[in-house]
Amino acid sequence: MAWIVLIFAGIFEIVWAYSMKVSEGFTKLTPSIITILFMILSFGLLAYAMKTLPLGTAYTIWTGIGAVGSFLVGIFILGEPATAMRMVAAVLIISGLILMKLSSS
């Protein structure tokens, strides 16, 4: 159950990162509210997952989901560049997440 909660915490991190971007420095009300709400949800779920998962594993997986997910949102929704170097970096992050999960089993 903790792993499912952690995955949702990571997904919510992607949501708040994207809404923070579109809030234009918290100058737009709706995206600003979404940012704050999803930050609270994301942190709350992370805290819940950390009750049973090791700190290093939970935090690494949470930030990795957020980083790679935000990277993909940037490319597919915001039109950011998908350069070879950025793609390699994303693959390395995903590789690290897989290794972290395997080491926690």
Protein backbone atom coordinates (compact mmCIF):
# COMPACT_ATOMS: atom_id res chain seq x y z
CA MET A 1 0.00 0.00 0.00
CA ALA A 2 2.84 2.41 0.82
CA TRP A 3 4.19 2.08 -2.73
CA ILE A 4 0.84 3.02 -4.26
CA VAL A 5 0.58 6.00 -1.93
CA LEU A 6 4.12 7.03 -2.87
CA ILE A 7 3.30 6.84 -6.58
CA PHE A 8 0.30 9.12 -6.05
CA ALA A 9 2.47 11.49 -4.01
CA GLY A 10 4.87 11.66 -6.97
CA ILE A 11 2.04 12.25 -9.45
CA PHE A 12 0.70 15.04 -7.26
CA GLU A 13 4.20 16.53 -7.25
CA ILE A 14 4.02 16.71 -11.05
CA VAL A 15 0.64 18.47 -10.80
CA TRP A 16 1.90 21.09 -8.39
CA ALA A 17 5.07 21.69 -10.36
CA TYR A 18 3.09 22.25 -13.55
CA SER A 19 0.49 24.46 -11.85
CA MET A 20 3.29 26.49 -10.25
CA LYS A 21 4.75 27.08 -13.72
CA VAL A 22 1.42 28.23 -15.15
CA SER A 23 0.71 30.38 -12.08
CA GLU A 24 3.38 32.76 -13.42
CA GLY A 25 5.01 33.35 -10.07
CA PHE A 26 1.77 32.98 -8.11
CA THR A 27 0.19 35.88 -10.00
CA LYS A 28 -2.73 33.75 -11.27
CA LEU A 29 -5.19 32.69 -8.57
CA THR A 30 -6.49 29.33 -9.79
CA PRO A 31 -3.11 27.75 -10.63
CA SER A 32 -1.72 29.16 -7.36
CA ILE A 33 -4.48 27.48 -5.35
CA ILE A 34 -3.98 24.20 -7.25
CA THR A 35 -0.24 24.41 -6.52
CA ILE A 36 -0.75 24.80 -2.78
CA LEU A 37 -3.43 22.10 -2.55
CA PHE A 38 -1.40 19.55 -4.48
CA MET A 39 1.74 20.40 -2.50
CA ILE A 40 -0.13 19.60 0.70
CA LEU A 41 -1.52 16.38 -0.79
CA SER A 42 1.85 15.34 -2.15
CA PHE A 43 3.71 15.99 1.10
CA GLY A 44 0.97 14.33 3.14
CA LEU A 45 1.07 11.18 1.04
CA LEU A 46 4.87 11.16 1.13
CA ALA A 47 4.76 11.38 4.93
CA TYR A 48 2.28 8.51 5.06
CA ALA A 49 4.44 6.35 2.78
CA MET A 50 7.48 7.09 4.95
CA LYS A 51 5.79 5.39 7.88
CA THR A 52 6.79 2.06 6.36
CA LEU A 53 9.28 2.80 3.57
CA PRO A 54 12.91 3.77 4.23
CA LEU A 55 13.54 7.52 4.08
CA GLY A 56 16.13 7.37 1.31
CA THR A 57 14.01 5.12 -0.86
CA ALA A 58 10.75 7.01 -0.38
CA TYR A 59 12.27 10.44 -0.92
CA THR A 60 14.31 9.34 -3.94
CA ILE A 61 11.33 7.69 -5.63
CA TRP A 62 9.08 10.69 -4.87
CA THR A 63 11.52 13.23 -6.28
CA GLY A 64 12.32 10.99 -9.24
CA ILE A 65 8.67 10.61 -10.22
CA GLY A 66 8.27 14.36 -9.89
CA ALA A 67 11.42 15.13 -11.86
CA VAL A 68 10.80 12.77 -14.76
CA GLY A 69 7.08 13.51 -14.82
CA SER A 70 7.67 17.25 -14.86
CA PHE A 71 10.28 16.78 -17.56
CA LEU A 72 7.70 14.94 -19.71
CA VAL A 73 5.01 17.55 -19.02
CA GLY A 74 7.49 20.21 -20.07
CA ILE A 75 8.12 18.45 -23.36
CA PHE A 76 4.60 17.32 -24.24
CA ILE A 77 2.50 20.15 -22.80
CA LEU A 78 4.79 23.17 -22.60
CA GLY A 79 6.78 22.47 -25.77
CA GLU A 80 10.19 22.40 -24.08
CA PRO A 81 13.07 20.88 -26.07
CA ALA A 82 13.65 17.12 -25.98
CA THR A 83 17.39 17.16 -26.65
CA ALA A 84 19.47 14.01 -26.61
CA MET A 85 21.29 15.07 -23.45
CA ARG A 86 18.00 15.72 -21.60
CA MET A 87 16.65 12.33 -22.72
CA VAL A 88 19.78 10.56 -21.47
CA ALA A 89 19.47 12.35 -18.16
CA ALA A 90 15.84 11.23 -17.82
CA VAL A 91 16.82 7.62 -18.60
CA LEU A 92 19.52 7.78 -15.93
CA ILE A 93 17.00 9.07 -13.38
CA ILE A 94 14.58 6.28 -14.25
CA SER A 95 17.41 3.74 -13.99
CA GLY A 96 18.23 5.05 -10.54
CA LEU A 97 14.59 4.78 -9.48
CA ILE A 98 14.42 1.18 -10.62
CA LEU A 99 17.63 0.32 -8.77
CA MET A 100 16.35 2.06 -5.63
CA LYS A 101 13.10 0.09 -5.77
CA LEU A 102 14.93 -3.19 -6.35
CA SER A 103 17.26 -2.52 -3.44
CA SER A 104 14.29 -2.00 -1.11
CA SER A 105 12.50 -5.27 -1.87
